[in-house]
PDB file of N, CA and C in Angstrom:
ATOM      1  N   UNK A   1      14.086  21.790  26.529  1.00  0.00           N
ATOM      2  CA  UNK A   1      14.147  21.439  25.135  1.00  0.00           C
ATOM      3  C   UNK A   1      13.665  19.999  24.964  1.00  0.00           C
ATOM      4  N   UNK A   2      12.820  19.785  23.983  1.00  0.00           N
ATOM      5  CA  UNK A   2      12.287  18.463  23.692  1.00  0.00           C
ATOM      6  C   UNK A   2      13.068  17.828  22.551  1.00  0.00           C
ATOM      7  N   UNK A   3      13.447  16.598  22.733  1.00  0.00           N
ATOM      8  CA  UNK A   3      14.097  15.861  21.666  1.00  0.00           C
ATOM      9  C   UNK A   3      13.048  15.030  20.936  1.00  0.00           C
ATOM     10  N   UNK A   4      13.059  15.087  19.632  1.00  0.00           N
ATOM     11  CA  UNK A   4      12.101  14.342  18.832  1.00  0.00           C
ATOM     12  C   UNK A   4      12.706  13.027  18.377  1.00  0.00           C
ATOM     13  N   UNK A   5      11.905  12.001  18.393  1.00  0.00           N
ATOM     14  CA  UNK A   5      12.328  10.688  17.929  1.00  0.00           C
ATOM     15  C   UNK A   5      12.001  10.584  16.438  1.00  0.00           C
ATOM     16  N   UNK A   6      12.953  10.963  15.609  1.00  0.00           N
ATOM     17  CA  UNK A   6      12.708  10.996  14.162  1.00  0.00           C
ATOM     18  C   UNK A   6      12.511   9.599  13.599  1.00  0.00           C
ATOM     19  N   UNK A   7      13.241   8.630  14.081  1.00  0.00           N
ATOM     20  CA  UNK A   7      13.098   7.264  13.568  1.00  0.00           C
ATOM     21  C   UNK A   7      11.708   6.713  13.893  1.00  0.00           C
ATOM     22  N   UNK A   8      11.213   6.992  15.069  1.00  0.00           N
ATOM     23  CA  UNK A   8       9.868   6.549  15.437  1.00  0.00           C
ATOM     24  C   UNK A   8       8.801   7.238  14.608  1.00  0.00           C
ATOM     25  N   UNK A   9       8.987   8.523  14.367  1.00  0.00           N
ATOM     26  CA  UNK A   9       8.016   9.269  13.555  1.00  0.00           C
ATOM     27  C   UNK A   9       7.985   8.751  12.122  1.00  0.00           C
ATOM     28  N   UNK A  10       9.150   8.478  11.562  1.00  0.00           N
ATOM     29  CA  UNK A  10       9.219   7.956  10.199  1.00  0.00           C
ATOM     30  C   UNK A  10       8.621   6.556  10.142  1.00  0.00           C
ATOM     31  N   UNK A  11       8.858   5.755  11.175  1.00  0.00           N
ATOM     32  CA  UNK A  11       8.288   4.409  11.227  1.00  0.00           C
ATOM     33  C   UNK A  11       6.761   4.470  11.194  1.00  0.00           C
ATOM     34  N   UNK A  12       6.164   5.342  11.987  1.00  0.00           N
ATOM     35  CA  UNK A  12       4.704   5.436  12.002  1.00  0.00           C
ATOM     36  C   UNK A  12       4.160   6.047  10.722  1.00  0.00           C
ATOM     37  N   UNK A  13       4.908   6.944  10.097  1.00  0.00           N
ATOM     38  CA  UNK A  13       4.501   7.479   8.795  1.00  0.00           C
ATOM     39  C   UNK A  13       4.477   6.364   7.751  1.00  0.00           C
ATOM     40  N   UNK A  14       5.520   5.536   7.723  1.00  0.00           N
ATOM     41  CA  UNK A  14       5.546   4.416   6.788  1.00  0.00           C
ATOM     42  C   UNK A  14       4.446   3.403   7.093  1.00  0.00           C
ATOM     43  N   UNK A  15       4.129   3.225   8.368  1.00  0.00           N
ATOM     44  CA  UNK A  15       3.037   2.324   8.732  1.00  0.00           C
ATOM     45  C   UNK A  15       1.701   2.839   8.222  1.00  0.00           C
ATOM     46  N   UNK A  16       1.480   4.127   8.308  1.00  0.00           N
ATOM     47  CA  UNK A  16       0.233   4.716   7.811  1.00  0.00           C
ATOM     48  C   UNK A  16       0.154   4.588   6.293  1.00  0.00           C
ATOM     49  N   UNK A  17       1.247   4.858   5.599  1.00  0.00           N
ATOM     50  CA  UNK A  17       1.266   4.737   4.144  1.00  0.00           C
ATOM     51  C   UNK A  17       1.043   3.279   3.730  1.00  0.00           C
ATOM     52  N   UNK A  18       1.686   2.340   4.440  1.00  0.00           N
ATOM     53  CA  UNK A  18       1.522   0.927   4.131  1.00  0.00           C
ATOM     54  C   UNK A  18       0.078   0.486   4.360  1.00  0.00           C
ATOM     55  N   UNK A  19      -0.541   0.956   5.423  1.00  0.00           N
ATOM     56  CA  UNK A  19      -1.933   0.611   5.702  1.00  0.00           C
ATOM     57  C   UNK A  19      -2.856   1.158   4.619  1.00  0.00           C
ATOM     58  N   UNK A  20      -2.587   2.361   4.145  1.00  0.00           N
ATOM     59  CA  UNK A  20      -3.374   2.919   3.044  1.00  0.00           C
ATOM     60  C   UNK A  20      -3.255   2.079   1.777  1.00  0.00           C
ATOM     61  N   UNK A  21      -2.043   1.658   1.472  1.00  0.00           N
ATOM     62  CA  UNK A  21      -1.842   0.794   0.300  1.00  0.00           C
ATOM     63  C   UNK A  21      -2.533  -0.552   0.476  1.00  0.00           C
ATOM     64  N   UNK A  22      -2.544  -1.066   1.686  1.00  0.00           N
ATOM     65  CA  UNK A  22      -3.221  -2.332   1.954  1.00  0.00           C
ATOM     66  C   UNK A  22      -4.736  -2.200   1.762  1.00  0.00           C
ATOM     67  N   UNK A  23      -5.293  -1.083   2.213  1.00  0.00           N
ATOM     68  CA  UNK A  23      -6.724  -0.847   2.015  1.00  0.00           C
ATOM     69  C   UNK A  23      -7.064  -0.707   0.533  1.00  0.00           C
ATOM     70  N   UNK A  24      -6.210  -0.032  -0.212  1.00  0.00           N
ATOM     71  CA  UNK A  24      -6.426   0.097  -1.654  1.00  0.00           C
ATOM     72  C   UNK A  24      -6.325  -1.257  -2.332  1.00  0.00           C
ATOM     73  N   UNK A  25      -5.455  -2.128  -1.836  1.00  0.00           N
ATOM     74  CA  UNK A  25      -5.355  -3.483  -2.377  1.00  0.00           C
ATOM     75  C   UNK A  25      -6.658  -4.252  -2.182  1.00  0.00           C
ATOM     76  N   UNK A  26      -7.233  -4.154  -0.988  1.00  0.00           N
ATOM     77  CA  UNK A  26      -8.514  -4.821  -0.746  1.00  0.00           C
ATOM     78  C   UNK A  26      -9.619  -4.247  -1.624  1.00  0.00           C
ATOM     79  N   UNK A  27      -9.594  -2.934  -1.835  1.00  0.00           N
ATOM     80  CA  UNK A  27     -10.565  -2.291  -2.720  1.00  0.00           C
ATOM     81  C   UNK A  27     -10.394  -2.801  -4.152  1.00  0.00           C
ATOM     82  N   UNK A  28      -9.156  -2.966  -4.599  1.00  0.00           N
ATOM     83  CA  UNK A  28      -8.886  -3.488  -5.932  1.00  0.00           C
ATOM     84  C   UNK A  28      -9.329  -4.934  -6.093  1.00  0.00           C
ATOM     85  N   UNK A  29      -9.158  -5.730  -5.037  1.00  0.00           N
ATOM     86  CA  UNK A  29      -9.622  -7.119  -5.086  1.00  0.00           C
ATOM     87  C   UNK A  29     -11.143  -7.160  -5.209  1.00  0.00           C
ATOM     88  N   UNK A  30     -11.818  -6.306  -4.470  1.00  0.00           N
ATOM     89  CA  UNK A  30     -13.280  -6.247  -4.549  1.00  0.00           C
ATOM     90  C   UNK A  30     -13.730  -5.805  -5.947  1.00  0.00           C
ATOM     91  N   UNK A  31     -13.020  -4.820  -6.505  1.00  0.00           N
ATOM     92  CA  UNK A  31     -13.336  -4.353  -7.846  1.00  0.00           C
ATOM     93  C   UNK A  31     -13.086  -5.454  -8.881  1.00  0.00           C
ATOM     94  N   UNK A  32     -12.022  -6.206  -8.708  1.00  0.00           N
ATOM     95  CA  UNK A  32     -11.715  -7.310  -9.607  1.00  0.00           C
ATOM     96  C   UNK A  32     -12.793  -8.392  -9.541  1.00  0.00           C
ATOM     97  N   UNK A  33     -13.271  -8.678  -8.334  1.00  0.00           N
ATOM     98  CA  UNK A  33     -14.339  -9.663  -8.168  1.00  0.00           C
ATOM     99  C   UNK A  33     -15.612  -9.215  -8.889  1.00  0.00           C
ATOM    100  N   UNK A  34     -15.954  -7.941  -8.752  1.00  0.00           N
ATOM    101  CA  UNK A  34     -17.148  -7.420  -9.440  1.00  0.00           C
ATOM    102  C   UNK A  34     -16.969  -7.414 -10.955  1.00  0.00           C
ATOM    103  N   UNK A  35     -15.764  -7.136 -11.409  1.00  0.00           N
ATOM    104  CA  UNK A  35     -15.515  -7.135 -12.853  1.00  0.00           C
ATOM    105  C   UNK A  35     -15.651  -8.541 -13.434  1.00  0.00           C
ATOM    106  N   UNK A  36     -15.207  -9.522 -12.678  1.00  0.00           N
ATOM    107  CA  UNK A  36     -15.339 -10.909 -13.142  1.00  0.00           C
ATOM    108  C   UNK A  36     -16.803 -11.326 -13.140  1.00  0.00           C
ATOM    109  N   UNK A  37     -17.544 -10.898 -12.117  1.00  0.00           N
ATOM    110  CA  UNK A  37     -18.967 -11.229 -12.058  1.00  0.00           C
ATOM    111  C   UNK A  37     -19.745 -10.614 -13.223  1.00  0.00           C
ATOM    112  N   UNK A  38     -19.475  -9.331 -13.486  1.00  0.00           N
ATOM    113  CA  UNK A  38     -20.206  -8.614 -14.542  1.00  0.00           C
ATOM    114  C   UNK A  38     -19.616  -8.847 -15.928  1.00  0.00           C
ATOM    115  N   UNK A  39     -18.432  -9.434 -15.979  1.00  0.00           N
ATOM    116  CA  UNK A  39     -17.703  -9.644 -17.233  1.00  0.00           C
ATOM    117  C   UNK A  39     -17.481  -8.319 -17.969  1.00  0.00           C
ATOM    118  N   UNK A  40     -17.033  -7.326 -17.187  1.00  0.00           N
ATOM    119  CA  UNK A  40     -16.775  -5.982 -17.704  1.00  0.00           C
ATOM    120  C   UNK A  40     -15.264  -5.815 -17.909  1.00  0.00           C
ATOM    121  N   UNK A  41     -14.868  -5.678 -19.172  1.00  0.00           N
ATOM    122  CA  UNK A  41     -13.435  -5.621 -19.501  1.00  0.00           C
ATOM    123  C   UNK A  41     -12.771  -4.340 -18.998  1.00  0.00           C
ATOM    124  N   UNK A  42     -13.443  -3.204 -19.093  1.00  0.00           N
ATOM    125  CA  UNK A  42     -12.831  -1.947 -18.650  1.00  0.00           C
ATOM    126  C   UNK A  42     -12.678  -1.916 -17.122  1.00  0.00           C
ATOM    127  N   UNK A  43     -13.654  -2.441 -16.406  1.00  0.00           N
ATOM    128  CA  UNK A  43     -13.547  -2.516 -14.948  1.00  0.00           C
ATOM    129  C   UNK A  43     -12.436  -3.484 -14.544  1.00  0.00           C
ATOM    130  N   UNK A  44     -12.275  -4.544 -15.319  1.00  0.00           N
ATOM    131  CA  UNK A  44     -11.200  -5.504 -15.070  1.00  0.00           C
ATOM    132  C   UNK A  44      -9.830  -4.838 -15.222  1.00  0.00           C
ATOM    133  N   UNK A  45      -9.671  -4.023 -16.256  1.00  0.00           N
ATOM    134  CA  UNK A  45      -8.397  -3.311 -16.458  1.00  0.00           C
ATOM    135  C   UNK A  45      -8.126  -2.327 -15.337  1.00  0.00           C
ATOM    136  N   UNK A  46      -9.164  -1.601 -14.905  1.00  0.00           N
ATOM    137  CA  UNK A  46      -8.997  -0.649 -13.805  1.00  0.00           C
ATOM    138  C   UNK A  46      -8.599  -1.361 -12.522  1.00  0.00           C
ATOM    139  N   UNK A  47      -9.223  -2.502 -12.266  1.00  0.00           N
ATOM    140  CA  UNK A  47      -8.912  -3.266 -11.058  1.00  0.00           C
ATOM    141  C   UNK A  47      -7.474  -3.773 -11.085  1.00  0.00           C
ATOM    142  N   UNK A  48      -7.021  -4.253 -12.243  1.00  0.00           N
ATOM    143  CA  UNK A  48      -5.638  -4.721 -12.351  1.00  0.00           C
ATOM    144  C   UNK A  48      -4.659  -3.572 -12.136  1.00  0.00           C
ATOM    145  N   UNK A  49      -4.957  -2.400 -12.692  1.00  0.00           N
ATOM    146  CA  UNK A  49      -4.080  -1.244 -12.508  1.00  0.00           C
ATOM    147  C   UNK A  49      -4.012  -0.836 -11.040  1.00  0.00           C
ATOM    148  N   UNK A  50      -5.150  -0.812 -10.368  1.00  0.00           N
ATOM    149  CA  UNK A  50      -5.168  -0.447  -8.952  1.00  0.00           C
ATOM    150  C   UNK A  50      -4.388  -1.467  -8.130  1.00  0.00           C
ATOM    151  N   UNK A  51      -4.571  -2.743  -8.430  1.00  0.00           N
ATOM    152  CA  UNK A  51      -3.840  -3.772  -7.695  1.00  0.00           C
ATOM    153  C   UNK A  51      -2.336  -3.673  -7.913  1.00  0.00           C
ATOM    154  N   UNK A  52      -1.926  -3.470  -9.141  1.00  0.00           N
ATOM    155  CA  UNK A  52      -0.488  -3.364  -9.428  1.00  0.00           C
ATOM    156  C   UNK A  52       0.118  -2.150  -8.725  1.00  0.00           C
ATOM    157  N   UNK A  53      -0.552  -1.014  -8.804  1.00  0.00           N
ATOM    158  CA  UNK A  53      -0.020   0.195  -8.170  1.00  0.00           C
ATOM    159  C   UNK A  53       0.030   0.077  -6.652  1.00  0.00           C
ATOM    160  N   UNK A  54      -0.979  -0.546  -6.054  1.00  0.00           N
ATOM    161  CA  UNK A  54      -0.962  -0.679  -4.594  1.00  0.00           C
ATOM    162  C   UNK A  54       0.118  -1.653  -4.136  1.00  0.00           C
ATOM    163  N   UNK A  55       0.337  -2.719  -4.874  1.00  0.00           N
ATOM    164  CA  UNK A  55       1.400  -3.665  -4.512  1.00  0.00           C
ATOM    165  C   UNK A  55       2.773  -3.016  -4.697  1.00  0.00           C
ATOM    166  N   UNK A  56       2.937  -2.253  -5.763  1.00  0.00           N
ATOM    167  CA  UNK A  56       4.197  -1.529  -5.956  1.00  0.00           C
ATOM    168  C   UNK A  56       4.417  -0.543  -4.813  1.00  0.00           C
ATOM    169  N   UNK A  57       3.362   0.125  -4.386  1.00  0.00           N
ATOM    170  CA  UNK A  57       3.471   1.056  -3.264  1.00  0.00           C
ATOM    171  C   UNK A  57       3.879   0.361  -1.978  1.00  0.00           C
ATOM    172  N   UNK A  58       3.266  -0.788  -1.697  1.00  0.00           N
ATOM    173  CA  UNK A  58       3.618  -1.524  -0.480  1.00  0.00           C
ATOM    174  C   UNK A  58       5.061  -2.009  -0.513  1.00  0.00           C
ATOM    175  N   UNK A  59       5.481  -2.539  -1.641  1.00  0.00           N
ATOM    176  CA  UNK A  59       6.857  -3.045  -1.753  1.00  0.00           C
ATOM    177  C   UNK A  59       7.867  -1.912  -1.622  1.00  0.00           C
ATOM    178  N   UNK A  60       7.578  -0.786  -2.241  1.00  0.00           N
ATOM    179  CA  UNK A  60       8.522   0.338  -2.153  1.00  0.00           C
ATOM    180  C   UNK A  60       8.590   0.905  -0.738  1.00  0.00           C
ATOM    181  N   UNK A  61       7.459   0.953  -0.031  1.00  0.00           N
ATOM    182  CA  UNK A  61       7.472   1.425   1.362  1.00  0.00           C
ATOM    183  C   UNK A  61       8.294   0.478   2.232  1.00  0.00           C
ATOM    184  N   UNK A  62       8.155  -0.816   2.022  1.00  0.00           N
ATOM    185  CA  UNK A  62       8.929  -1.781   2.810  1.00  0.00           C
ATOM    186  C   UNK A  62      10.417  -1.651   2.517  1.00  0.00           C
ATOM    187  N   UNK A  63      10.780  -1.488   1.256  1.00  0.00           N
ATOM    188  CA  UNK A  63      12.204  -1.366   0.898  1.00  0.00           C
ATOM    189  C   UNK A  63      12.812  -0.104   1.494  1.00  0.00           C
ATOM    190  N   UNK A  64      12.110   1.014   1.374  1.00  0.00           N
ATOM    191  CA  UNK A  64      12.639   2.272   1.913  1.00  0.00           C
ATOM    192  C   UNK A  64      12.706   2.213   3.434  1.00  0.00           C
ATOM    193  N   UNK A  65      11.697   1.627   4.057  1.00  0.00           N
ATOM    194  CA  UNK A  65      11.700   1.519   5.509  1.00  0.00           C
ATOM    195  C   UNK A  65      12.854   0.653   5.997  1.00  0.00           C
ATOM    196  N   UNK A  66      13.095  -0.457   5.327  1.00  0.00           N
ATOM    197  CA  UNK A  66      14.218  -1.305   5.718  1.00  0.00           C
ATOM    198  C   UNK A  66      15.556  -0.608   5.485  1.00  0.00           C
ATOM    199  N   UNK A  67      15.652   0.181   4.436  1.00  0.00           N
ATOM    200  CA  UNK A  67      16.914   0.864   4.141  1.00  0.00           C
ATOM    201  C   UNK A  67      17.199   1.986   5.139  1.00  0.00           C
ATOM    202  N   UNK A  68      16.154   2.687   5.574  1.00  0.00           N
ATOM    203  CA  UNK A  68      16.380   3.849   6.433  1.00  0.00           C
ATOM    204  C   UNK A  68      16.382   3.527   7.926  1.00  0.00           C
ATOM    205  N   UNK A  69      15.392   2.771   8.386  1.00  0.00           N
ATOM    206  CA  UNK A  69      15.285   2.574   9.832  1.00  0.00           C
ATOM    207  C   UNK A  69      15.408   1.116  10.270  1.00  0.00           C
ATOM    208  N   UNK A  70      15.621   0.219   9.329  1.00  0.00           N
ATOM    209  CA  UNK A  70      15.882  -1.204   9.617  1.00  0.00           C
ATOM    210  C   UNK A  70      14.696  -1.892  10.303  1.00  0.00           C
ATOM    211  N   UNK A  71      13.476  -1.396  10.084  1.00  0.00           N
ATOM    212  CA  UNK A  71      12.277  -2.046  10.613  1.00  0.00           C
ATOM    213  C   UNK A  71      11.222  -2.081   9.520  1.00  0.00           C
ATOM    214  N   UNK A  72      10.417  -3.148   9.530  1.00  0.00           N
ATOM    215  CA  UNK A  72       9.330  -3.255   8.566  1.00  0.00           C
ATOM    216  C   UNK A  72       8.089  -2.564   9.128  1.00  0.00           C
ATOM    217  N   UNK A  73       7.284  -1.923   8.277  1.00  0.00           N
ATOM    218  CA  UNK A  73       6.152  -1.150   8.795  1.00  0.00           C
ATOM    219  C   UNK A  73       4.905  -1.969   9.101  1.00  0.00           C
ATOM    220  N   UNK A  74       5.044  -3.200   9.515  1.00  0.00           N
ATOM    221  CA  UNK A  74       3.889  -3.989   9.937  1.00  0.00           C
ATOM    222  C   UNK A  74       4.288  -4.974  10.994  1.00  0.00           C
TER     223      UNK A  74
END
């Protein structure tokens, strides 16, 4: 019988989710830079929304990870 390390599996799942949110944050920063260059108001709003959602995602993953397994996913 194999015993599974559930805490380790959850830790790596949270790490993958956190990394995805971090990549989306970089994408949002790039989009924000292009919106400022082009002076495009709608692109600026989209970039702000993406940045806010990705930061909220990262913060929530860190809070849940600390609450459940007492380790940060980075």
